Protein backbone atom coordinates (compact mmCIF):
# COMPACT_ATOMS: atom_id res chain seq x y z
CA MET A 1 8.93 11.33 -12.86
CA GLU A 2 12.21 11.80 -14.63
CA ARG A 3 15.05 9.30 -14.49
CA ARG A 4 18.75 10.11 -14.41
CA THR A 5 20.26 9.83 -17.83
CA PHE A 6 23.76 9.03 -16.74
CA LEU A 7 25.36 5.99 -15.15
CA ARG A 8 26.70 6.48 -11.70
CA ALA A 9 30.34 5.97 -10.92
CA ALA A 10 29.54 4.87 -7.40
CA VAL A 11 31.87 2.57 -5.55
CA ILE A 12 30.09 -0.37 -4.00
CA GLY A 13 31.49 -1.11 -0.58
CA SER A 14 30.81 -4.81 -0.44
CA SER A 15 29.49 -7.58 -2.67
CA ALA A 16 25.85 -8.58 -2.70
CA THR A 17 24.75 -11.36 -0.41
CA ALA A 18 23.48 -14.65 -1.71
CA PHE A 19 20.22 -15.10 -3.54
CA SER A 20 18.53 -17.72 -1.41
CA GLY A 21 15.20 -19.47 -1.14
CA SER A 22 13.12 -21.01 -3.88
CA LEU A 23 12.77 -17.80 -5.88
CA TRP A 24 16.41 -17.59 -7.00
CA LEU A 25 18.98 -20.07 -8.20
CA GLY A 26 22.68 -19.38 -8.38
CA ALA A 27 26.00 -19.35 -6.58
CA ALA A 28 26.38 -18.89 -2.87
CA HIS A 29 27.46 -15.26 -3.32
CA ALA A 30 25.82 -14.12 -6.55
CA ASP A 31 26.60 -10.67 -7.90
CA PRO A 32 23.83 -8.39 -9.18
CA ALA A 33 22.17 -9.64 -12.38
CA GLN A 34 24.08 -9.22 -15.65
CA PRO A 35 22.87 -8.98 -19.28
CA GLY A 36 22.42 -12.17 -21.23
CA ALA A 37 20.06 -14.12 -23.41
CA GLY A 38 16.58 -14.02 -21.93
CA PRO A 39 14.35 -17.10 -21.71
CA TYR A 40 12.00 -15.84 -24.44
CA GLY A 41 14.45 -14.89 -27.17
CA ALA A 42 14.95 -11.66 -29.11
CA LEU A 43 12.31 -8.98 -29.58
CA GLY A 44 10.50 -9.00 -32.90
CA SER A 45 9.26 -6.06 -34.93
CA ALA A 46 6.58 -3.80 -33.51
CA ASP A 47 3.06 -5.18 -33.85
CA ALA A 48 -0.05 -3.16 -34.73
CA ASN A 49 -0.12 -1.79 -31.19
CA GLY A 50 3.50 -0.61 -31.32
CA VAL A 51 4.68 -3.39 -29.01
CA ARG A 52 7.83 -5.39 -29.73
CA LEU A 53 7.54 -8.90 -28.32
CA PRO A 54 9.37 -12.22 -28.52
CA ALA A 55 8.06 -14.89 -30.88
CA GLY A 56 4.88 -16.56 -29.64
CA PHE A 57 3.56 -13.52 -27.74
CA ARG A 58 0.85 -11.09 -28.79
CA SER A 59 -0.62 -7.86 -27.42
CA ARG A 60 -3.98 -6.16 -27.32
CA VAL A 61 -5.14 -2.78 -26.02
CA VAL A 62 -7.77 -3.20 -23.30
CA ALA A 63 -8.33 0.47 -22.39
CA ARG A 64 -7.47 4.03 -23.42
CA THR A 65 -7.71 7.14 -21.27
CA GLY A 66 -10.83 9.18 -22.02
CA GLN A 67 -12.55 6.35 -23.86
CA LYS A 68 -15.18 3.90 -22.66
CA VAL A 69 -13.75 0.48 -21.83
CA ALA A 70 -15.20 -1.84 -24.50
CA GLY A 71 -18.72 -2.99 -23.66
CA THR A 72 -18.94 -0.88 -20.49
CA SER A 73 -20.01 2.61 -19.43
CA TYR A 74 -16.75 3.34 -17.57
CA THR A 75 -14.42 5.95 -19.08
CA TRP A 76 -10.83 4.83 -18.46
CA HIS A 77 -8.96 7.16 -16.15
CA PRO A 78 -5.99 9.42 -16.99
CA ALA A 79 -2.37 8.51 -16.24
CA PRO A 80 -2.91 4.80 -15.41
CA ASP A 81 -0.24 3.68 -12.97
CA GLY A 82 0.24 0.88 -10.42
CA GLY A 83 -1.90 -2.23 -10.81
CA ALA A 84 -2.68 -5.75 -9.62
CA CYS A 85 -4.82 -8.74 -10.60
CA TYR A 86 -7.41 -10.57 -8.50
CA ALA A 87 -9.13 -13.90 -9.05
CA ASP A 88 -12.86 -13.43 -9.69
CA GLY A 89 -14.61 -16.77 -9.95
CA THR A 90 -13.32 -18.29 -13.19
CA GLY A 91 -12.15 -14.87 -14.38
CA TRP A 92 -10.14 -12.03 -12.88
CA ILE A 93 -9.99 -8.29 -12.22
CA TYR A 94 -7.22 -5.85 -13.11
CA VAL A 95 -7.01 -2.80 -10.84
CA SER A 96 -5.23 0.40 -11.97
CA ASN A 97 -4.37 3.64 -10.18
CA SER A 98 -4.67 7.12 -11.68
CA GLU A 99 -1.65 9.33 -11.05
CA VAL A 100 -3.20 12.76 -11.45
CA GLU A 101 -3.89 15.57 -9.02
CA PRO A 102 -6.35 16.41 -7.61
CA SER A 103 -8.78 13.70 -8.72
CA GLY A 104 -6.51 10.60 -8.71
CA GLY A 105 -8.18 7.43 -7.52
CA ALA A 106 -8.34 4.00 -9.14
CA GLY A 107 -10.43 1.93 -11.54
CA ALA A 108 -10.84 -1.72 -12.45
CA ILE A 109 -11.58 -3.97 -15.43
CA ARG A 110 -13.28 -7.36 -15.02
CA PHE A 111 -12.46 -10.26 -17.36
CA SER A 112 -14.14 -13.61 -18.01
CA SER A 113 -12.30 -16.93 -18.06
CA THR A 114 -11.64 -16.41 -21.78
CA GLY A 115 -10.22 -12.92 -21.29
CA ALA A 116 -13.31 -11.11 -22.55
CA ILE A 117 -14.03 -7.80 -20.83
CA THR A 118 -17.23 -8.07 -18.78
CA GLY A 119 -17.15 -4.85 -16.75
CA ALA A 120 -15.23 -1.74 -15.70
CA TYR A 121 -15.82 0.68 -12.85
CA ARG A 122 -14.35 3.12 -10.33
CA ILE A 123 -13.09 1.83 -6.96
CA LEU A 124 -11.54 5.02 -5.51
CA SER A 125 -12.25 8.71 -6.08
CA SER A 126 -11.29 12.16 -4.79
CA THR A 127 -7.71 11.31 -3.81
CA ARG A 128 -4.39 12.73 -4.98
CA GLN A 129 -1.86 11.38 -7.46
CA ASN A 130 -2.35 7.69 -6.82
CA CYS A 131 0.87 6.19 -8.10
CA ALA A 132 1.56 2.59 -7.14
CA GLY A 133 0.31 0.42 -4.30
CA GLY A 134 0.01 -3.25 -3.46
CA LYS A 135 -2.27 -6.27 -3.15
CA THR A 136 -3.12 -7.72 0.26
CA PRO A 137 -3.59 -11.43 1.03
CA TRP A 138 -7.22 -10.64 1.92
CA ASN A 139 -7.77 -9.35 -1.62
CA THR A 140 -7.88 -5.59 -1.19
CA TRP A 141 -5.87 -3.01 -3.13
CA LEU A 142 -3.67 -0.53 -1.25
CA SER A 143 -3.66 2.64 -3.35
CA CYS A 144 -0.85 5.02 -2.41
CA GLU A 145 -0.74 8.80 -2.79
CA GLU A 146 2.57 10.07 -4.14
CA VAL A 147 2.36 13.52 -2.53
CA ASP A 148 3.95 15.03 0.57
CA ARG A 149 2.17 13.57 3.58
CA GLY A 150 0.12 11.35 1.32
CA TYR A 151 -2.09 8.56 2.58
CA VAL A 152 -2.65 4.87 1.84
CA TYR A 153 -6.23 3.94 0.92
CA GLU A 154 -7.50 0.38 1.22
CA THR A 155 -9.92 -0.31 -1.61
CA ASP A 156 -12.22 -3.08 -2.80
CA PRO A 157 -11.30 -4.42 -6.28
CA TRP A 158 -14.96 -5.45 -6.76
CA GLY A 159 -16.11 -1.88 -6.09
CA VAL A 160 -18.69 -2.96 -3.53
CA LYS A 161 -17.17 -1.72 -0.26
CA SER A 162 -16.16 1.89 0.25
CA ALA A 163 -12.46 2.72 0.32
CA VAL A 164 -10.91 3.33 3.75
CA ARG A 165 -8.03 5.69 4.53
CA ARG A 166 -5.35 3.93 6.57
CA ASP A 167 -3.76 6.71 8.62
CA ALA A 168 -1.69 4.34 10.78
CA MET A 169 0.38 3.38 7.72
CA GLY A 170 2.00 6.81 7.80
CA ARG A 171 1.85 10.07 5.92
CA PHE A 172 4.67 10.48 3.44
CA LYS A 173 5.26 10.43 -0.30
CA HIS A 174 3.99 6.88 -0.73
CA GLU A 175 4.87 4.83 -3.78
CA ALA A 176 4.33 1.07 -3.51
CA ALA A 177 3.38 -1.58 -0.96
CA ALA A 178 3.97 -5.32 -0.67
CA ALA A 179 2.41 -7.71 1.83
CA ASP A 180 4.54 -10.28 3.67
CA PRO A 181 2.07 -12.85 5.07
CA ASP A 182 4.87 -14.83 6.70
CA ARG A 183 5.90 -12.04 9.06
CA LYS A 184 2.49 -10.33 8.88
CA VAL A 185 3.84 -6.96 7.75
CA ILE A 186 3.38 -4.56 4.82
CA TYR A 187 6.52 -3.08 3.20
CA LEU A 188 6.32 0.48 1.85
CA THR A 189 8.54 2.58 -0.44
CA GLU A 190 8.95 6.36 -0.45
CA ASP A 191 9.50 8.30 -3.67
CA VAL A 192 11.94 11.05 -2.69
CA SER A 193 15.68 11.27 -3.32
CA ASP A 194 16.48 10.69 0.37
CA GLY A 195 13.56 8.38 1.09
CA CYS A 196 13.30 5.39 3.37
CA PHE A 197 12.06 1.83 3.28
CA TYR A 198 9.31 1.09 5.79
CA ARG A 199 7.30 -1.76 7.19
CA PHE A 200 3.90 -1.54 8.82
CA ILE A 201 3.04 -4.13 11.48
CA PRO A 202 -0.75 -4.23 11.96
CA SER A 203 -2.08 -4.78 15.46
CA THR A 204 -4.16 -7.57 13.91
CA TRP A 205 -3.16 -9.16 10.62
CA GLY A 206 -5.87 -8.48 8.09
CA ASN A 207 -6.90 -5.20 9.73
CA LEU A 208 -4.84 -2.11 8.85
CA ALA A 209 -6.70 0.30 11.14
CA SER A 210 -3.89 0.33 13.71
CA GLY A 211 -0.33 -0.84 14.11
CA ARG A 212 3.31 0.21 14.21
CA LEU A 213 5.26 1.93 11.42
CA GLU A 214 8.97 1.11 11.33
CA VAL A 215 11.88 2.27 9.19
CA LEU A 216 14.87 0.23 8.01
CA LYS A 217 18.30 1.04 9.47
CA MET A 218 21.64 -0.01 8.00
CA GLY A 219 25.18 1.23 7.52
CA SER A 220 26.48 3.05 4.47
CA GLY A 221 27.02 0.00 2.21
CA THR A 222 24.67 -1.75 -0.18
CA SER A 223 24.64 -5.18 1.46
CA GLY A 224 24.59 -6.57 4.95
CA PRO A 225 22.40 -6.94 8.02
CA VAL A 226 19.63 -4.47 8.82
CA THR A 227 17.54 -3.49 11.81
CA TRP A 228 14.19 -1.77 12.18
CA ALA A 229 13.17 1.15 14.38
CA LYS A 230 9.76 2.56 15.27
CA VAL A 231 8.75 5.84 13.62
CA PRO A 232 7.61 7.95 16.61
CA ASP A 233 5.05 10.03 14.69
CA PRO A 234 3.68 8.30 11.57
CA SER A 235 1.52 11.35 10.83
CA GLY A 236 4.64 13.39 10.03
CA ALA A 237 2.89 16.39 11.55
CA SER A 238 5.95 18.06 13.06
CA LYS A 239 8.75 16.25 11.20
CA SER A 240 8.75 14.05 8.09
CA THR A 241 8.71 10.32 8.81
CA ARG A 242 12.08 9.84 7.10
CA SER A 243 13.70 12.39 9.46
CA GLN A 244 12.54 10.98 12.79
CA VAL A 245 14.91 8.04 13.26
CA SER A 246 18.67 8.52 13.42
CA GLY A 247 20.53 6.12 11.14
CA ALA A 248 17.58 5.38 8.86
CA LYS A 249 18.85 4.02 5.54
CA ARG A 250 18.39 6.42 2.60
CA PHE A 251 17.18 5.30 -0.83
CA ASP A 252 17.23 7.37 -4.00
CA GLY A 253 13.63 7.47 -5.18
CA GLY A 254 11.78 4.38 -3.96
CA GLU A 255 9.48 2.84 -6.58
CA GLY A 256 8.04 -0.65 -7.07
CA CYS A 257 7.79 -3.28 -4.36
CA TYR A 258 7.16 -7.04 -4.68
CA TYR A 259 7.27 -9.88 -2.13
CA ALA A 260 7.71 -13.62 -2.73
CA ASP A 261 9.22 -16.58 -0.90
CA GLY A 262 10.64 -14.67 2.05
CA VAL A 263 12.15 -11.85 -0.03
CA CYS A 264 10.92 -8.32 -0.72
CA TYR A 265 12.29 -6.76 -3.91
CA PHE A 266 12.03 -3.00 -4.31
CA THR A 267 13.39 -0.52 -6.82
CA THR A 268 15.00 2.91 -6.70
CA LYS A 269 14.80 5.03 -9.82
CA GLY A 270 17.47 7.61 -8.92
CA ASP A 271 20.27 5.04 -9.09
CA ASN A 272 18.61 2.35 -11.25
CA ARG A 273 18.74 -0.38 -8.66
CA VAL A 274 16.68 -3.39 -7.67
CA TRP A 275 17.14 -4.19 -3.99
CA ARG A 276 16.64 -7.53 -2.30
CA TYR A 277 15.54 -7.59 1.32
CA ASP A 278 15.79 -11.12 2.74
CA ALA A 279 13.16 -10.90 5.45
CA ALA A 280 14.09 -14.21 7.08
CA ALA A 281 17.77 -13.30 7.39
CA SER A 282 17.19 -9.54 7.88
CA THR A 283 19.77 -8.69 5.21
CA LEU A 284 19.81 -6.32 2.27
CA ALA A 285 21.59 -6.75 -1.06
CA LEU A 286 21.49 -5.61 -4.68
CA ALA A 287 19.65 -7.79 -7.20
CA TYR A 288 20.48 -5.34 -10.03
CA ASP A 289 22.46 -2.12 -10.46
CA ASP A 290 22.92 -0.58 -13.90
CA SER A 291 26.30 0.91 -12.94
CA LEU A 292 27.64 -2.60 -12.19
CA VAL A 293 26.76 -4.04 -15.60
CA THR A 294 29.86 -5.35 -17.34
CA GLY A 295 30.65 -5.99 -20.98
CA GLY A 296 28.26 -3.51 -22.56
CA SER A 297 25.38 -1.14 -21.93
CA ALA A 298 22.78 -1.76 -19.25
CA PRO A 299 19.58 -3.25 -20.68
CA LEU A 300 17.47 -1.95 -17.79
CA THR A 301 17.42 1.75 -16.92
CA GLY A 302 14.72 4.04 -15.56
CA VAL A 303 13.97 1.27 -13.05
CA ASP A 304 10.38 1.56 -11.79
CA ASN A 305 7.43 -0.79 -11.14
CA ILE A 306 8.17 -4.46 -10.43
CA THR A 307 6.28 -7.73 -10.28
CA GLY A 308 7.13 -11.42 -10.48
CA THR A 309 5.95 -14.86 -11.53
CA ALA A 310 5.62 -18.23 -9.86
CA SER A 311 8.61 -19.37 -11.93
CA GLY A 312 10.86 -17.02 -9.94
CA ASP A 313 11.36 -14.37 -12.64
CA LEU A 314 11.05 -10.65 -11.91
CA PHE A 315 9.54 -8.25 -14.46
CA VAL A 316 10.72 -4.64 -14.11
CA ALA A 317 9.13 -1.73 -15.98
CA GLU A 318 11.02 1.33 -17.20
CA ASP A 319 10.20 4.98 -16.67
CA GLY A 320 12.01 6.25 -19.74
CA GLY A 321 14.99 4.14 -20.79
CA SER A 322 14.03 2.21 -23.93
CA MET A 323 10.42 1.87 -22.71
CA ASP A 324 11.03 -1.78 -21.89
CA ILE A 325 9.75 -4.30 -19.45
CA CYS A 326 12.84 -6.32 -18.63
CA VAL A 327 13.00 -9.73 -17.06
CA ILE A 328 15.50 -10.58 -14.32
CA THR A 329 15.51 -14.34 -14.41
CA ARG A 330 15.92 -16.85 -11.62
CA GLU A 331 19.27 -17.63 -13.27
CA ASN A 332 20.39 -14.03 -12.54
CA VAL A 333 20.20 -12.75 -16.14
CA VAL A 334 18.59 -9.44 -17.14
CA ALA A 335 17.14 -9.00 -20.64
CA PRO A 336 14.36 -7.04 -22.40
CA PHE A 337 11.03 -8.85 -22.53
CA LEU A 338 9.02 -6.23 -24.43
CA ARG A 339 9.44 -2.70 -25.79
CA LEU A 340 6.96 0.04 -26.62
CA THR A 341 7.76 2.09 -29.72
CA GLY A 342 6.90 5.72 -30.40
CA GLN A 343 6.25 6.49 -26.74
CA SER A 344 9.45 8.10 -25.48
CA GLY A 345 7.46 10.71 -23.54
CA SER A 346 5.77 8.09 -21.39
CA GLU A 347 6.60 5.44 -18.79
CA ILE A 348 5.52 1.84 -18.30
CA THR A 349 3.39 1.27 -15.21
CA GLY A 350 1.31 -1.31 -13.40
CA PRO A 351 2.73 -4.66 -14.55
CA ALA A 352 0.68 -7.52 -13.11
CA PHE A 353 -0.04 -11.11 -14.11
CA SER A 354 -3.45 -12.75 -14.28
CA PRO A 355 -3.97 -15.33 -11.51
CA ASP A 356 -2.97 -18.22 -13.77
CA GLY A 357 0.17 -16.41 -14.97
CA SER A 358 -0.80 -16.54 -18.64
CA ARG A 359 -1.47 -12.82 -19.20
CA LEU A 360 0.54 -9.73 -18.35
CA TYR A 361 -1.22 -6.40 -17.91
CA PHE A 362 0.50 -3.01 -17.88
CA SER A 363 0.03 0.58 -18.99
CA SER A 364 1.85 3.28 -20.89
CA GLN A 365 1.00 6.16 -18.59
CA ARG A 366 1.08 8.90 -21.23
CA GLY A 367 0.98 6.83 -24.43
CA THR A 368 2.02 8.34 -27.74
CA SER A 369 0.84 11.84 -26.76
CA GLY A 370 3.16 12.33 -23.78
CA SER A 371 0.15 13.59 -21.81
CA SER A 372 -1.80 12.06 -18.91
CA SER A 373 -4.81 12.09 -21.25
CA GLY A 374 -3.05 9.62 -23.57
CA GLY A 375 -2.77 6.59 -21.31
CA ILE A 376 -3.00 3.10 -22.83
CA THR A 377 -3.49 -0.18 -20.95
CA TYR A 378 -2.31 -3.41 -22.57
CA GLU A 379 -2.57 -7.16 -22.21
CA VAL A 380 0.17 -9.54 -23.39
CA THR A 381 -0.44 -13.26 -23.76
CA GLY A 382 1.98 -16.03 -24.62
CA PRO A 383 4.12 -18.89 -23.32
CA PHE A 384 5.29 -17.41 -20.02
CA ARG A 385 7.39 -20.00 -18.24
CA THR A 386 6.08 -21.58 -15.06
């Protein structure tokens, strides 16, 4: 996936609506985040793994494509992409997609309470170009196929239950998913230049076998109220899902998706934006837009995968750019948190925090080689704020 290498000169029709709720602090009508000093300080020199980190943080490599995960018989998959963490007794599990075609699928690494690797295994096979996805409140992983008329597969992070294809969630070029337990819906992004933003309303919360797929509708601006409309044919058999509802809002390359405290944040790579959907108020606004950065160059470009912390900070990975993971703080400041060196032919994927928030996992999809066979998966530990 290639990012645009120029800043847009778009005119924004109206200012962003307020950041509200416990996740964000700030003025009643905050503008999109602007560069500033991050909460962790400046990046240091590259460590032995080629990772630049703030003082007090350290990295380790936990897996490499084509090699056995340490102490296990599982060979780590190519092109590691979207990921999530799951509590596992006193330890945890990190799940990672494989964005290759035709084999795709997903794998997992199990960790003890001390962070030691205790297992690794496959949880999904024989699917196509599994890019991102999302974690459900009932502790399954939704692995999304980023192909035309792709599917969503519900998988078991423990690798015990067989994966299930969830046809009712629609067939389109899926990217990411985020569960909203308050409204009992799953939000979905679509990775095409004229894609849509969807929500799936299961017939029964906790069971994704059936339900209603809806698409977001809004005027031409970047902020304001939204509505939702049913997609008549989620299978996209006769017409693509994004073309079935008149007035569906278009988004330029939907990517990551993350829900917390009544708000769903999602990213679009074609215009380097982070969007903020306030589910309680049914409004949409911009949390970040690189073309609206003032007083210097934008620190975050190639906007891609996104996650967050209990402290209210968002962590956004770059596809290209400076190969950074940037933090957008609860104080509305955007700054680099880490940077990979010597990997300009790759992208950062799958950021996810361990259940206690003390460890950040992510991958360089193509590593130093620039090939899907060169993927590297990392862990970063340090004084993340809570």
